[in-house]
């Protein structure tokens, strides 16, 4: 299974573009900060995740600084890349 659920802040939004098939695509960067328990110890976790939304979700009007709960999956950026990108299927404002 490949599912990712992330509470994050939208910290960067690229201009809206379209795939060769004409599907709207929006690239964003999400910043996540939390405290997790690992091996019985508390650990502060901070990361930035590159993410994309496609179709109607790309047209929802995400704004910088918005805190969201994003649900989606991880995939390679492209066929030849090893860099992972989150593909967002669902967004909730929190």
PDB file of N, CA and C in Angstrom:
ATOM      1  N   UNK A   1       0.846  -1.179   0.000  1.00  0.00           N
ATOM      2  CA  UNK A   1       0.000   0.000   0.000  1.00  0.00           C
ATOM      3  C   UNK A   1       0.886   1.235   0.000  1.00  0.00           C
ATOM      4  N   UNK A   2       0.454   2.255  -0.694  1.00  0.00           N
ATOM      5  CA  UNK A   2       1.204   3.498  -0.816  1.00  0.00           C
ATOM      6  C   UNK A   2       0.249   4.652  -0.512  1.00  0.00           C
ATOM      7  N   UNK A   3       0.115   4.985   0.766  1.00  0.00           N
ATOM      8  CA  UNK A   3      -0.767   6.077   1.188  1.00  0.00           C
ATOM      9  C   UNK A   3       0.003   6.978   2.141  1.00  0.00           C
ATOM     10  N   UNK A   4      -0.125   8.281   1.943  1.00  0.00           N
ATOM     11  CA  UNK A   4       0.536   9.249   2.806  1.00  0.00           C
ATOM     12  C   UNK A   4      -0.505  10.265   3.261  1.00  0.00           C
ATOM     13  N   UNK A   5      -0.571  10.487   4.575  1.00  0.00           N
ATOM     14  CA  UNK A   5      -1.446  11.506   5.163  1.00  0.00           C
ATOM     15  C   UNK A   5      -0.539  12.449   5.931  1.00  0.00           C
ATOM     16  N   UNK A   6      -0.638  13.745   5.639  1.00  0.00           N
ATOM     17  CA  UNK A   6       0.311  14.697   6.194  1.00  0.00           C
ATOM     18  C   UNK A   6      -0.390  15.996   6.584  1.00  0.00           C
ATOM     19  N   UNK A   7      -0.193  16.428   7.845  1.00  0.00           N
ATOM     20  CA  UNK A   7      -0.598  17.777   8.252  1.00  0.00           C
ATOM     21  C   UNK A   7       0.569  18.680   7.909  1.00  0.00           C
ATOM     22  N   UNK A   8       0.289  19.751   7.171  1.00  0.00           N
ATOM     23  CA  UNK A   8       1.391  20.588   6.710  1.00  0.00           C
ATOM     24  C   UNK A   8       0.913  21.993   6.388  1.00  0.00           C
ATOM     25  N   UNK A   9       1.891  22.875   6.227  1.00  0.00           N
ATOM     26  CA  UNK A   9       1.649  24.254   5.794  1.00  0.00           C
ATOM     27  C   UNK A   9       2.126  24.395   4.358  1.00  0.00           C
ATOM     28  N   UNK A  10       1.344  25.075   3.541  1.00  0.00           N
ATOM     29  CA  UNK A  10       1.735  25.342   2.158  1.00  0.00           C
ATOM     30  C   UNK A  10       2.745  26.487   2.187  1.00  0.00           C
ATOM     31  N   UNK A  11       3.999  26.205   1.803  1.00  0.00           N
ATOM     32  CA  UNK A  11       5.051  27.230   1.884  1.00  0.00           C
ATOM     33  C   UNK A  11       5.535  27.712   0.522  1.00  0.00           C
ATOM     34  N   UNK A  12       5.132  27.028  -0.551  1.00  0.00           N
ATOM     35  CA  UNK A  12       5.512  27.471  -1.891  1.00  0.00           C
ATOM     36  C   UNK A  12       4.484  26.954  -2.880  1.00  0.00           C
ATOM     37  N   UNK A  13       4.110  27.802  -3.838  1.00  0.00           N
ATOM     38  CA  UNK A  13       3.164  27.418  -4.879  1.00  0.00           C
ATOM     39  C   UNK A  13       3.734  27.864  -6.223  1.00  0.00           C
ATOM     40  N   UNK A  14       3.879  26.929  -7.135  1.00  0.00           N
ATOM     41  CA  UNK A  14       4.338  27.243  -8.489  1.00  0.00           C
ATOM     42  C   UNK A  14       3.143  27.714  -9.321  1.00  0.00           C
ATOM     43  N   UNK A  15       3.387  28.407 -10.409  1.00  0.00           N
ATOM     44  CA  UNK A  15       2.271  28.798 -11.282  1.00  0.00           C
ATOM     45  C   UNK A  15       1.552  27.562 -11.831  1.00  0.00           C
ATOM     46  N   UNK A  16       0.242  27.674 -11.983  1.00  0.00           N
ATOM     47  CA  UNK A  16      -0.558  26.586 -12.541  1.00  0.00           C
ATOM     48  C   UNK A  16      -0.088  26.294 -13.957  1.00  0.00           C
ATOM     49  N   UNK A  17       0.026  25.011 -14.276  1.00  0.00           N
ATOM     50  CA  UNK A  17       0.389  24.622 -15.645  1.00  0.00           C
ATOM     51  C   UNK A  17      -0.509  23.467 -16.063  1.00  0.00           C
ATOM     52  N   UNK A  18      -0.334  23.016 -17.270  1.00  0.00           N
ATOM     53  CA  UNK A  18      -1.181  21.954 -17.808  1.00  0.00           C
ATOM     54  C   UNK A  18      -0.321  20.833 -18.382  1.00  0.00           C
ATOM     55  N   UNK A  19      -0.781  19.595 -18.188  1.00  0.00           N
ATOM     56  CA  UNK A  19      -0.087  18.438 -18.758  1.00  0.00           C
ATOM     57  C   UNK A  19      -0.308  18.447 -20.271  1.00  0.00           C
ATOM     58  N   UNK A  20       0.468  17.643 -21.016  1.00  0.00           N
ATOM     59  CA  UNK A  20       0.230  17.558 -22.467  1.00  0.00           C
ATOM     60  C   UNK A  20      -1.213  17.138 -22.814  1.00  0.00           C
ATOM     61  N   UNK A  21      -1.877  16.440 -21.886  1.00  0.00           N
ATOM     62  CA  UNK A  21      -3.269  16.024 -22.108  1.00  0.00           C
ATOM     63  C   UNK A  21      -4.262  17.129 -21.726  1.00  0.00           C
ATOM     64  N   UNK A  22      -3.751  18.291 -21.270  1.00  0.00           N
ATOM     65  CA  UNK A  22      -4.613  19.414 -20.930  1.00  0.00           C
ATOM     66  C   UNK A  22      -5.160  19.387 -19.508  1.00  0.00           C
ATOM     67  N   UNK A  23      -4.593  18.558 -18.634  1.00  0.00           N
ATOM     68  CA  UNK A  23      -5.052  18.454 -17.250  1.00  0.00           C
ATOM     69  C   UNK A  23      -4.318  19.492 -16.404  1.00  0.00           C
ATOM     70  N   UNK A  24      -5.043  20.293 -15.611  1.00  0.00           N
ATOM     71  CA  UNK A  24      -4.383  21.276 -14.735  1.00  0.00           C
ATOM     72  C   UNK A  24      -3.477  20.585 -13.719  1.00  0.00           C
ATOM     73  N   UNK A  25      -2.293  21.162 -13.479  1.00  0.00           N
ATOM     74  CA  UNK A  25      -1.323  20.605 -12.541  1.00  0.00           C
ATOM     75  C   UNK A  25      -0.748  21.746 -11.719  1.00  0.00           C
ATOM     76  N   UNK A  26      -0.787  21.578 -10.397  1.00  0.00           N
ATOM     77  CA  UNK A  26      -0.240  22.588  -9.491  1.00  0.00           C
ATOM     78  C   UNK A  26       0.825  21.943  -8.622  1.00  0.00           C
ATOM     79  N   UNK A  27       2.035  22.481  -8.655  1.00  0.00           N
ATOM     80  CA  UNK A  27       3.135  21.994  -7.824  1.00  0.00           C
ATOM     81  C   UNK A  27       3.254  22.893  -6.601  1.00  0.00           C
ATOM     82  N   UNK A  28       3.400  22.262  -5.430  1.00  0.00           N
ATOM     83  CA  UNK A  28       3.521  22.997  -4.168  1.00  0.00           C
ATOM     84  C   UNK A  28       4.618  22.367  -3.319  1.00  0.00           C
ATOM     85  N   UNK A  29       5.049  23.116  -2.309  1.00  0.00           N
ATOM     86  CA  UNK A  29       5.946  22.579  -1.291  1.00  0.00           C
ATOM     87  C   UNK A  29       5.208  22.669   0.033  1.00  0.00           C
ATOM     88  N   UNK A  30       5.200  21.553   0.771  1.00  0.00           N
ATOM     89  CA  UNK A  30       4.531  21.480   2.061  1.00  0.00           C
ATOM     90  C   UNK A  30       5.570  21.358   3.163  1.00  0.00           C
ATOM     91  N   UNK A  31       5.372  22.093   4.267  1.00  0.00           N
ATOM     92  CA  UNK A  31       6.273  22.004   5.428  1.00  0.00           C
ATOM     93  C   UNK A  31       5.509  21.332   6.570  1.00  0.00           C
ATOM     94  N   UNK A  32       6.118  20.275   7.098  1.00  0.00           N
ATOM     95  CA  UNK A  32       5.528  19.527   8.203  1.00  0.00           C
ATOM     96  C   UNK A  32       6.427  19.668   9.432  1.00  0.00           C
ATOM     97  N   UNK A  33       5.814  19.934  10.591  1.00  0.00           N
ATOM     98  CA  UNK A  33       6.531  19.992  11.864  1.00  0.00           C
ATOM     99  C   UNK A  33       5.683  19.240  12.886  1.00  0.00           C
ATOM    100  N   UNK A  34       6.303  18.286  13.578  1.00  0.00           N
ATOM    101  CA  UNK A  34       5.576  17.547  14.617  1.00  0.00           C
ATOM    102  C   UNK A  34       6.567  16.932  15.594  1.00  0.00           C
ATOM    103  N   UNK A  35       6.003  16.302  16.610  1.00  0.00           N
ATOM    104  CA  UNK A  35       6.807  15.541  17.562  1.00  0.00           C
ATOM    105  C   UNK A  35       6.359  14.084  17.457  1.00  0.00           C
ATOM    106  N   UNK A  36       7.300  13.183  17.247  1.00  0.00           N
ATOM    107  CA  UNK A  36       7.010  11.762  17.086  1.00  0.00           C
ATOM    108  C   UNK A  36       7.751  10.976  18.159  1.00  0.00           C
ATOM    109  N   UNK A  37       7.268   9.786  18.441  1.00  0.00           N
ATOM    110  CA  UNK A  37       7.943   8.903  19.386  1.00  0.00           C
ATOM    111  C   UNK A  37       8.637   7.810  18.579  1.00  0.00           C
ATOM    112  N   UNK A  38       9.942   7.677  18.807  1.00  0.00           N
ATOM    113  CA  UNK A  38      10.743   6.667  18.124  1.00  0.00           C
ATOM    114  C   UNK A  38      11.619   5.982  19.162  1.00  0.00           C
ATOM    115  N   UNK A  39      11.524   4.657  19.228  1.00  0.00           N
ATOM    116  CA  UNK A  39      12.284   3.871  20.198  1.00  0.00           C
ATOM    117  C   UNK A  39      12.057   4.385  21.624  1.00  0.00           C
ATOM    118  N   UNK A  40      10.818   4.801  21.898  1.00  0.00           N
ATOM    119  CA  UNK A  40      10.466   5.273  23.232  1.00  0.00           C
ATOM    120  C   UNK A  40      10.903   6.683  23.548  1.00  0.00           C
ATOM    121  N   UNK A  41      11.511   7.381  22.605  1.00  0.00           N
ATOM    122  CA  UNK A  41      11.998   8.745  22.827  1.00  0.00           C
ATOM    123  C   UNK A  41      11.232   9.726  21.934  1.00  0.00           C
ATOM    124  N   UNK A  42      10.973  10.922  22.470  1.00  0.00           N
ATOM    125  CA  UNK A  42      10.338  11.958  21.669  1.00  0.00           C
ATOM    126  C   UNK A  42      11.359  12.560  20.716  1.00  0.00           C
ATOM    127  N   UNK A  43      10.902  12.820  19.509  1.00  0.00           N
ATOM    128  CA  UNK A  43      11.783  13.375  18.489  1.00  0.00           C
ATOM    129  C   UNK A  43      11.028  14.449  17.708  1.00  0.00           C
ATOM    130  N   UNK A  44      11.637  15.623  17.547  1.00  0.00           N
ATOM    131  CA  UNK A  44      11.040  16.681  16.740  1.00  0.00           C
ATOM    132  C   UNK A  44      11.319  16.372  15.271  1.00  0.00           C
ATOM    133  N   UNK A  45      10.266  16.419  14.466  1.00  0.00           N
ATOM    134  CA  UNK A  45      10.379  16.110  13.045  1.00  0.00           C
ATOM    135  C   UNK A  45      10.016  17.359  12.247  1.00  0.00           C
ATOM    136  N   UNK A  46      10.883  17.741  11.333  1.00  0.00           N
ATOM    137  CA  UNK A  46      10.622  18.853  10.421  1.00  0.00           C
ATOM    138  C   UNK A  46      11.040  18.418   9.028  1.00  0.00           C
ATOM    139  N   UNK A  47      10.180  18.652   8.032  1.00  0.00           N
ATOM    140  CA  UNK A  47      10.562  18.325   6.663  1.00  0.00           C
ATOM    141  C   UNK A  47       9.744  19.147   5.680  1.00  0.00           C
ATOM    142  N   UNK A  48      10.272  19.267   4.475  1.00  0.00           N
ATOM    143  CA  UNK A  48       9.544  19.883   3.374  1.00  0.00           C
ATOM    144  C   UNK A  48       9.361  18.824   2.302  1.00  0.00           C
ATOM    145  N   UNK A  49       8.149  18.742   1.778  1.00  0.00           N
ATOM    146  CA  UNK A  49       7.780  17.721   0.809  1.00  0.00           C
ATOM    147  C   UNK A  49       7.303  18.412  -0.467  1.00  0.00           C
ATOM    148  N   UNK A  50       7.862  18.011  -1.601  1.00  0.00           N
ATOM    149  CA  UNK A  50       7.341  18.466  -2.884  1.00  0.00           C
ATOM    150  C   UNK A  50       6.069  17.685  -3.167  1.00  0.00           C
ATOM    151  N   UNK A  51       5.035  18.392  -3.642  1.00  0.00           N
ATOM    152  CA  UNK A  51       3.756  17.736  -3.893  1.00  0.00           C
ATOM    153  C   UNK A  51       3.113  18.313  -5.144  1.00  0.00           C
ATOM    154  N   UNK A  52       2.203  17.539  -5.739  1.00  0.00           N
ATOM    155  CA  UNK A  52       1.442  17.995  -6.900  1.00  0.00           C
ATOM    156  C   UNK A  52      -0.027  17.650  -6.712  1.00  0.00           C
ATOM    157  N   UNK A  53      -0.878  18.485  -7.289  1.00  0.00           N
ATOM    158  CA  UNK A  53      -2.301  18.204  -7.383  1.00  0.00           C
ATOM    159  C   UNK A  53      -2.676  18.310  -8.848  1.00  0.00           C
ATOM    160  N   UNK A  54      -3.592  17.461  -9.272  1.00  0.00           N
ATOM    161  CA  UNK A  54      -4.018  17.454 -10.673  1.00  0.00           C
ATOM    162  C   UNK A  54      -5.524  17.589 -10.781  1.00  0.00           C
ATOM    163  N   UNK A  55      -5.980  18.021 -11.953  1.00  0.00           N
ATOM    164  CA  UNK A  55      -7.406  18.112 -12.220  1.00  0.00           C
ATOM    165  C   UNK A  55      -8.081  19.204 -11.417  1.00  0.00           C
ATOM    166  N   UNK A  56      -9.321  18.932 -11.003  1.00  0.00           N
ATOM    167  CA  UNK A  56     -10.110  19.929 -10.260  1.00  0.00           C
ATOM    168  C   UNK A  56      -9.431  20.365  -8.969  1.00  0.00           C
ATOM    169  N   UNK A  57      -8.698  19.453  -8.328  1.00  0.00           N
ATOM    170  CA  UNK A  57      -8.021  19.780  -7.075  1.00  0.00           C
ATOM    171  C   UNK A  57      -6.958  20.865  -7.287  1.00  0.00           C
ATOM    172  N   UNK A  58      -6.343  20.888  -8.462  1.00  0.00           N
ATOM    173  CA  UNK A  58      -5.332  21.902  -8.774  1.00  0.00           C
ATOM    174  C   UNK A  58      -5.950  23.291  -8.914  1.00  0.00           C
ATOM    175  N   UNK A  59      -7.245  23.340  -9.154  1.00  0.00           N
ATOM    176  CA  UNK A  59      -7.939  24.616  -9.368  1.00  0.00           C
ATOM    177  C   UNK A  59      -8.611  25.135  -8.098  1.00  0.00           C
ATOM    178  N   UNK A  60      -8.426  24.450  -6.960  1.00  0.00           N
ATOM    179  CA  UNK A  60      -9.109  24.820  -5.709  1.00  0.00           C
ATOM    180  C   UNK A  60      -8.618  26.126  -5.095  1.00  0.00           C
ATOM    181  N   UNK A  61      -7.509  26.640  -5.538  1.00  0.00           N
ATOM    182  CA  UNK A  61      -7.033  27.924  -5.029  1.00  0.00           C
ATOM    183  C   UNK A  61      -6.280  27.830  -3.719  1.00  0.00           C
ATOM    184  N   UNK A  62      -5.340  26.899  -3.612  1.00  0.00           N
ATOM    185  CA  UNK A  62      -4.490  26.829  -2.423  1.00  0.00           C
ATOM    186  C   UNK A  62      -3.766  28.156  -2.236  1.00  0.00           C
ATOM    187  N   UNK A  63      -3.605  28.562  -0.981  1.00  0.00           N
ATOM    188  CA  UNK A  63      -2.921  29.818  -0.686  1.00  0.00           C
ATOM    189  C   UNK A  63      -1.715  29.569   0.212  1.00  0.00           C
ATOM    190  N   UNK A  64      -0.689  30.393   0.047  1.00  0.00           N
ATOM    191  CA  UNK A  64       0.496  30.314   0.902  1.00  0.00           C
ATOM    192  C   UNK A  64       0.090  30.475   2.363  1.00  0.00           C
ATOM    193  N   UNK A  65       0.718  29.700   3.230  1.00  0.00           N
ATOM    194  CA  UNK A  65       0.464  29.799   4.653  1.00  0.00           C
ATOM    195  C   UNK A  65      -0.720  28.986   5.135  1.00  0.00           C
ATOM    196  N   UNK A  66      -1.476  28.406   4.235  1.00  0.00           N
ATOM    197  CA  UNK A  66      -2.631  27.596   4.616  1.00  0.00           C
ATOM    198  C   UNK A  66      -2.155  26.301   5.259  1.00  0.00           C
ATOM    199  N   UNK A  67      -2.807  25.911   6.346  1.00  0.00           N
ATOM    200  CA  UNK A  67      -2.517  24.629   6.995  1.00  0.00           C
ATOM    201  C   UNK A  67      -3.538  23.622   6.500  1.00  0.00           C
ATOM    202  N   UNK A  68      -3.041  22.492   6.003  1.00  0.00           N
ATOM    203  CA  UNK A  68      -3.912  21.496   5.384  1.00  0.00           C
ATOM    204  C   UNK A  68      -3.624  20.098   5.916  1.00  0.00           C
ATOM    205  N   UNK A  69      -4.574  19.216   5.711  1.00  0.00           N
ATOM    206  CA  UNK A  69      -4.389  17.786   5.887  1.00  0.00           C
ATOM    207  C   UNK A  69      -4.455  17.214   4.479  1.00  0.00           C
ATOM    208  N   UNK A  70      -3.325  16.760   3.977  1.00  0.00           N
ATOM    209  CA  UNK A  70      -3.228  16.254   2.606  1.00  0.00           C
ATOM    210  C   UNK A  70      -3.145  14.732   2.621  1.00  0.00           C
ATOM    211  N   UNK A  71      -3.926  14.099   1.758  1.00  0.00           N
ATOM    212  CA  UNK A  71      -3.906  12.654   1.607  1.00  0.00           C
ATOM    213  C   UNK A  71      -3.552  12.336   0.165  1.00  0.00           C
ATOM    214  N   UNK A  72      -2.654  11.375  -0.017  1.00  0.00           N
ATOM    215  CA  UNK A  72      -2.257  11.006  -1.374  1.00  0.00           C
ATOM    216  C   UNK A  72      -1.298   9.842  -1.361  1.00  0.00           C
ATOM    217  N   UNK A  73      -0.384   9.848  -2.325  1.00  0.00           N
ATOM    218  CA  UNK A  73       0.579   8.756  -2.455  1.00  0.00           C
ATOM    219  C   UNK A  73       1.916   9.313  -2.938  1.00  0.00           C
ATOM    220  N   UNK A  74       2.970   8.517  -2.799  1.00  0.00           N
ATOM    221  CA  UNK A  74       4.307   8.904  -3.255  1.00  0.00           C
ATOM    222  C   UNK A  74       4.607   8.254  -4.602  1.00  0.00           C
ATOM    223  N   UNK A  75       5.274   9.019  -5.470  1.00  0.00           N
ATOM    224  CA  UNK A  75       5.708   8.500  -6.766  1.00  0.00           C
ATOM    225  C   UNK A  75       6.998   9.221  -7.167  1.00  0.00           C
ATOM    226  N   UNK A  76       7.743   8.628  -8.087  1.00  0.00           N
ATOM    227  CA  UNK A  76       8.943   9.287  -8.602  1.00  0.00           C
ATOM    228  C   UNK A  76       8.532  10.526  -9.395  1.00  0.00           C
ATOM    229  N   UNK A  77       9.384  11.561  -9.334  1.00  0.00           N
ATOM    230  CA  UNK A  77       9.112  12.804 -10.055  1.00  0.00           C
ATOM    231  C   UNK A  77       8.948  12.557 -11.550  1.00  0.00           C
ATOM    232  N   UNK A  78       9.780  11.669 -12.094  1.00  0.00           N
ATOM    233  CA  UNK A  78       9.697  11.323 -13.512  1.00  0.00           C
ATOM    234  C   UNK A  78      10.256   9.919 -13.689  1.00  0.00           C
ATOM    235  N   UNK A  79      10.177   9.424 -14.899  1.00  0.00           N
ATOM    236  CA  UNK A  79      10.626   8.062 -15.194  1.00  0.00           C
ATOM    237  C   UNK A  79      12.089   7.832 -14.814  1.00  0.00           C
ATOM    238  N   UNK A  80      12.945   8.834 -15.051  1.00  0.00           N
ATOM    239  CA  UNK A  80      14.383   8.667 -14.813  1.00  0.00           C
ATOM    240  C   UNK A  80      14.845   9.214 -13.464  1.00  0.00           C
ATOM    241  N   UNK A  81      13.951   9.812 -12.698  1.00  0.00           N
ATOM    242  CA  UNK A  81      14.311  10.429 -11.419  1.00  0.00           C
ATOM    243  C   UNK A  81      14.137   9.445 -10.270  1.00  0.00           C
ATOM    244  N   UNK A  82      14.914   9.651  -9.217  1.00  0.00           N
ATOM    245  CA  UNK A  82      14.718   8.872  -7.991  1.00  0.00           C
ATOM    246  C   UNK A  82      14.079   9.736  -6.904  1.00  0.00           C
ATOM    247  N   UNK A  83      13.871  11.022  -7.180  1.00  0.00           N
ATOM    248  CA  UNK A  83      13.268  11.934  -6.214  1.00  0.00           C
ATOM    249  C   UNK A  83      11.773  11.640  -6.088  1.00  0.00           C
ATOM    250  N   UNK A  84      11.286  11.580  -4.838  1.00  0.00           N
ATOM    251  CA  UNK A  84       9.876  11.309  -4.591  1.00  0.00           C
ATOM    252  C   UNK A  84       9.064  12.589  -4.496  1.00  0.00           C
ATOM    253  N   UNK A  85       7.818  12.508  -4.964  1.00  0.00           N
ATOM    254  CA  UNK A  85       6.874  13.616  -4.910  1.00  0.00           C
ATOM    255  C   UNK A  85       5.555  13.069  -4.386  1.00  0.00           C
ATOM    256  N   UNK A  86       4.898  13.828  -3.516  1.00  0.00           N
ATOM    257  CA  UNK A  86       3.569  13.439  -3.041  1.00  0.00           C
ATOM    258  C   UNK A  86       2.536  13.875  -4.066  1.00  0.00           C
ATOM    259  N   UNK A  87       1.696  12.945  -4.494  1.00  0.00           N
ATOM    260  CA  UNK A  87       0.559  13.246  -5.366  1.00  0.00           C
ATOM    261  C   UNK A  87      -0.664  13.338  -4.460  1.00  0.00           C
ATOM    262  N   UNK A  88      -1.224  14.526  -4.335  1.00  0.00           N
ATOM    263  CA  UNK A  88      -2.327  14.763  -3.407  1.00  0.00           C
ATOM    264  C   UNK A  88      -3.658  14.442  -4.079  1.00  0.00           C
ATOM    265  N   UNK A  89      -4.463  13.593  -3.413  1.00  0.00           N
ATOM    266  CA  UNK A  89      -5.795  13.236  -3.900  1.00  0.00           C
ATOM    267  C   UNK A  89      -6.906  13.940  -3.139  1.00  0.00           C
ATOM    268  N   UNK A  90      -6.600  14.378  -1.902  1.00  0.00           N
ATOM    269  CA  UNK A  90      -7.629  15.006  -1.066  1.00  0.00           C
ATOM    270  C   UNK A  90      -6.969  16.035  -0.159  1.00  0.00           C
ATOM    271  N   UNK A  91      -7.630  17.192  -0.018  1.00  0.00           N
ATOM    272  CA  UNK A  91      -7.119  18.268   0.834  1.00  0.00           C
ATOM    273  C   UNK A  91      -8.238  18.744   1.757  1.00  0.00           C
ATOM    274  N   UNK A  92      -7.907  18.881   3.043  1.00  0.00           N
ATOM    275  CA  UNK A  92      -8.809  19.496   4.013  1.00  0.00           C
ATOM    276  C   UNK A  92      -8.074  20.668   4.652  1.00  0.00           C
ATOM    277  N   UNK A  93      -8.734  21.807   4.755  1.00  0.00           N
ATOM    278  CA  UNK A  93      -8.154  22.941   5.490  1.00  0.00           C
ATOM    279  C   UNK A  93      -8.299  22.663   6.979  1.00  0.00           C
ATOM    280  N   UNK A  94      -7.237  22.948   7.744  1.00  0.00           N
ATOM    281  CA  UNK A  94      -7.294  22.742   9.203  1.00  0.00           C
ATOM    282  C   UNK A  94      -6.884  24.011   9.923  1.00  0.00           C
TER     283      UNK A  94
END
